[in-house]
Amino acid sequence: MFESLANNLVNWLLVAPILVCFAGSFIGGTVVTLVFATFAGSAGIPWWPILAGAFLGNYCSDMAWFALARSRLADRFRNSRYFLEQGERIERLRSNYRTRDWLFFIAIKFAYGLRIAQILLLGAAHFAWRRFLKLDGLAVLVINSAAVMAGWMFGRGVTRYLDLFENTGTFASLLVLLVMAYFAAKWLINRYISRRQ
């Protein structure tokens, strides 16, 4: 079952790599991008369409989450009693974002599971759209470049390693046959030469 799923994924990546990576990273994020890049590397698909699709998918996903967090529905939720009691903490987080936002944007992308929480918090704090798009674009490019290149190089490396040892069985069989022939010849020589002397 896994093999057929992997074959289907490779076929989809061969046909439309940007579209497949867009959908995968929009829904599943960086982990899916890493898996897709590994399969692409092993299938010999270039890395740049994987990176382009993953970047666009993650960037669009981030924009959707940010828009949701800035919506009126989210404002009503934030005006609930629980969030009003947390006002001091939220204000501390807002000031933290304002002082080190570019570094925080990039660093939080590498903390698995916090990517969406960061975006929701920024939306709730009514972070400026323009600044969000710039910083998030940079952060998404950095995390996707790291994931795609790591996965793609791993896939290429494994494939080349397996190709290198493709004929290992043949070489091992030949080596065993030569060792057996050597010992058989030695035994025959010792047996017949030692009897004649």
Protein backbone atom coordinates (compact mmCIF):
# COMPACT_ATOMS: atom_id res chain seq x y z
CA MET A 1 0.00 0.00 0.00
CA PHE A 2 2.76 2.43 0.94
CA GLU A 3 4.65 1.62 -2.23
CA SER A 4 1.64 2.37 -4.44
CA LEU A 5 1.05 5.63 -2.57
CA ALA A 6 4.70 6.58 -3.05
CA ASN A 7 4.52 5.70 -6.76
CA ASN A 8 1.37 7.80 -7.17
CA LEU A 9 3.03 10.71 -5.39
CA VAL A 10 6.09 10.50 -7.64
CA ASN A 11 3.83 10.37 -10.71
CA TRP A 12 1.96 13.47 -9.51
CA LEU A 13 5.26 15.22 -8.83
CA LEU A 14 6.45 14.38 -12.34
CA VAL A 15 3.27 15.78 -13.94
CA ALA A 16 2.62 18.92 -11.86
CA PRO A 17 5.26 19.47 -9.15
CA ILE A 18 4.31 23.07 -8.36
CA LEU A 19 0.61 22.30 -8.00
CA VAL A 20 1.18 19.18 -5.89
CA CYS A 21 3.61 20.97 -3.57
CA PHE A 22 1.28 23.96 -3.34
CA ALA A 23 -1.61 21.76 -2.18
CA GLY A 24 0.59 19.71 0.15
CA SER A 25 2.21 22.65 1.87
CA PHE A 26 -1.05 24.61 2.07
CA ILE A 27 -2.71 21.75 3.91
CA GLY A 28 0.18 20.01 5.67
CA GLY A 29 2.92 22.60 6.01
CA THR A 30 6.65 22.09 6.14
CA VAL A 31 6.58 18.40 7.07
CA VAL A 32 4.70 17.54 3.87
CA THR A 33 7.14 19.73 1.93
CA LEU A 34 10.05 17.76 3.36
CA VAL A 35 8.46 14.44 2.33
CA PHE A 36 7.64 15.72 -1.17
CA ALA A 37 11.19 17.04 -1.59
CA THR A 38 12.62 13.66 -0.58
CA PHE A 39 10.52 11.86 -3.17
CA ALA A 40 11.36 14.49 -5.79
CA GLY A 41 15.07 14.11 -5.12
CA SER A 42 14.90 10.35 -5.45
CA ALA A 43 12.90 10.62 -8.70
CA GLY A 44 15.32 13.12 -10.24
CA ILE A 45 12.83 16.02 -10.26
CA PRO A 46 14.54 19.43 -9.99
CA TRP A 47 14.34 21.18 -6.61
CA TRP A 48 13.14 24.59 -7.80
CA PRO A 49 9.52 23.64 -8.69
CA ILE A 50 9.22 21.94 -5.31
CA LEU A 51 10.45 25.11 -3.59
CA ALA A 52 8.16 27.34 -5.67
CA GLY A 53 5.06 25.27 -4.91
CA ALA A 54 5.92 24.91 -1.22
CA PHE A 55 6.59 28.65 -0.87
CA LEU A 56 3.31 29.62 -2.52
CA GLY A 57 1.33 27.05 -0.53
CA ASN A 58 2.75 28.04 2.85
CA TYR A 59 2.50 31.75 2.06
CA CYS A 60 -1.16 31.49 1.02
CA SER A 61 -1.94 29.37 4.07
CA ASP A 62 -0.32 31.94 6.35
CA MET A 63 -2.31 34.74 4.72
CA ALA A 64 -5.55 32.80 5.21
CA TRP A 65 -4.83 32.20 8.92
CA PHE A 66 -3.83 35.83 9.38
CA ALA A 67 -7.02 37.07 7.70
CA LEU A 68 -9.08 34.73 9.87
CA ALA A 69 -7.42 36.04 13.03
CA ARG A 70 -8.14 39.64 11.99
CA SER A 71 -11.80 38.98 11.17
CA ARG A 72 -14.79 40.30 13.10
CA LEU A 73 -15.66 36.81 14.27
CA ALA A 74 -12.22 36.49 15.84
CA ASP A 75 -12.65 39.95 17.40
CA ARG A 76 -15.85 38.77 19.08
CA PHE A 77 -14.06 35.72 20.38
CA ARG A 78 -11.18 37.85 21.69
CA ASN A 79 -13.61 40.14 23.50
CA SER A 80 -14.75 37.26 25.65
CA ARG A 81 -14.09 37.39 29.40
CA TYR A 82 -11.09 35.01 29.25
CA PHE A 83 -9.18 37.14 26.77
CA LEU A 84 -10.02 40.39 28.54
CA GLU A 85 -8.39 38.97 31.68
CA GLN A 86 -5.21 38.20 29.67
CA GLY A 87 -4.77 41.78 28.43
CA GLU A 88 -1.42 42.36 30.14
CA ARG A 89 0.13 39.22 28.64
CA ILE A 90 -1.11 40.05 25.17
CA GLU A 91 0.32 43.58 25.45
CA ARG A 92 3.71 42.14 26.49
CA LEU A 93 3.67 39.87 23.44
CA ARG A 94 2.77 42.80 21.18
CA SER A 95 5.74 44.82 22.45
CA ASN A 96 8.01 41.80 21.97
CA TYR A 97 6.93 41.49 18.34
CA ARG A 98 7.54 45.18 17.70
CA THR A 99 11.18 45.09 18.87
CA ARG A 100 12.44 41.85 17.27
CA ASP A 101 9.79 40.94 14.73
CA TRP A 102 11.99 39.88 11.77
CA LEU A 103 14.07 37.51 13.89
CA PHE A 104 11.01 36.19 15.68
CA PHE A 105 9.22 35.55 12.38
CA ILE A 106 12.05 33.37 11.10
CA ALA A 107 12.83 31.61 14.39
CA ILE A 108 9.22 30.66 15.13
CA LYS A 109 8.92 28.90 11.75
CA PHE A 110 11.48 26.35 12.96
CA ALA A 111 9.58 25.68 16.20
CA TYR A 112 7.25 22.93 15.04
CA GLY A 113 3.61 23.51 15.91
CA LEU A 114 3.94 27.21 16.69
CA ARG A 115 3.69 28.55 13.13
CA ILE A 116 -0.11 28.86 13.15
CA ALA A 117 -0.20 30.05 16.76
CA GLN A 118 2.19 32.87 15.87
CA ILE A 119 0.07 33.91 12.90
CA LEU A 120 -3.14 33.84 14.94
CA LEU A 121 -1.52 35.91 17.67
CA LEU A 122 -0.28 38.47 15.15
CA GLY A 123 -3.72 38.67 13.60
CA ALA A 124 -5.30 39.08 17.01
CA ALA A 125 -2.87 41.90 17.77
CA HIS A 126 -3.89 43.56 14.45
CA PHE A 127 -0.35 43.46 13.14
CA ALA A 128 -0.05 45.54 9.94
CA TRP A 129 -0.80 43.58 6.74
CA ARG A 130 2.09 45.10 4.82
CA ARG A 131 4.66 44.29 7.47
CA PHE A 132 3.20 40.81 7.94
CA LEU A 133 3.42 40.01 4.22
CA LYS A 134 7.05 41.14 4.00
CA LEU A 135 8.28 39.36 7.12
CA ASP A 136 6.22 36.24 6.56
CA GLY A 137 7.43 36.01 2.95
CA LEU A 138 11.03 36.10 4.14
CA ALA A 139 10.38 33.55 6.90
CA VAL A 140 8.47 31.20 4.58
CA LEU A 141 11.28 31.40 2.02
CA VAL A 142 13.89 30.54 4.66
CA ILE A 143 12.03 27.58 6.19
CA ASN A 144 10.96 26.16 2.83
CA SER A 145 14.45 26.52 1.37
CA ALA A 146 15.86 24.60 4.31
CA ALA A 147 13.20 21.87 4.12
CA VAL A 148 13.29 21.46 0.34
CA MET A 149 17.06 21.38 0.06
CA ALA A 150 17.45 18.96 2.99
CA GLY A 151 14.78 16.60 1.67
CA TRP A 152 15.87 16.85 -1.95
CA MET A 153 19.54 16.18 -1.15
CA PHE A 154 18.57 13.26 1.10
CA GLY A 155 16.47 11.74 -1.71
CA ARG A 156 19.27 12.22 -4.25
CA GLY A 157 21.86 10.78 -1.88
CA VAL A 158 19.86 7.66 -1.07
CA THR A 159 19.13 7.04 -4.74
CA ARG A 160 22.79 7.41 -5.72
CA TYR A 161 23.86 5.17 -2.85
CA LEU A 162 21.42 2.46 -3.93
CA ASP A 163 22.45 2.84 -7.57
CA LEU A 164 26.09 2.48 -6.57
CA PHE A 165 25.40 -0.86 -4.93
CA GLU A 166 22.89 -2.09 -7.50
CA ASN A 167 25.22 -4.87 -8.65
CA THR A 168 26.35 -5.83 -5.16
CA GLY A 169 24.54 -9.16 -5.36
CA THR A 170 26.32 -10.05 -8.58
CA PHE A 171 29.71 -9.07 -7.16
CA ALA A 172 29.08 -10.98 -3.93
CA SER A 173 28.05 -14.10 -5.87
CA LEU A 174 31.13 -13.83 -8.07
CA LEU A 175 33.36 -13.42 -5.03
CA VAL A 176 31.83 -16.47 -3.30
CA LEU A 177 32.23 -18.49 -6.50
CA LEU A 178 35.91 -17.49 -6.80
CA VAL A 179 36.60 -18.35 -3.15
CA MET A 180 34.91 -21.74 -3.59
CA ALA A 181 36.90 -22.38 -6.79
CA TYR A 182 40.13 -21.48 -4.99
CA PHE A 183 39.49 -23.88 -2.10
CA ALA A 184 38.31 -26.63 -4.47
CA ALA A 185 41.45 -26.24 -6.59
CA LYS A 186 43.64 -26.22 -3.48
CA TRP A 187 41.96 -29.34 -2.15
CA LEU A 188 42.33 -31.14 -5.50
CA ILE A 189 45.97 -30.13 -5.85
CA ASN A 190 46.80 -31.19 -2.29
CA ARG A 191 44.98 -34.47 -2.67
CA TYR A 192 46.47 -35.58 -6.01
CA ILE A 193 49.95 -34.06 -5.66
CA SER A 194 50.46 -35.36 -2.13
CA ARG A 195 49.48 -38.92 -3.25
CA ARG A 196 51.95 -38.95 -6.13
CA GLN A 197 54.89 -37.91 -3.96
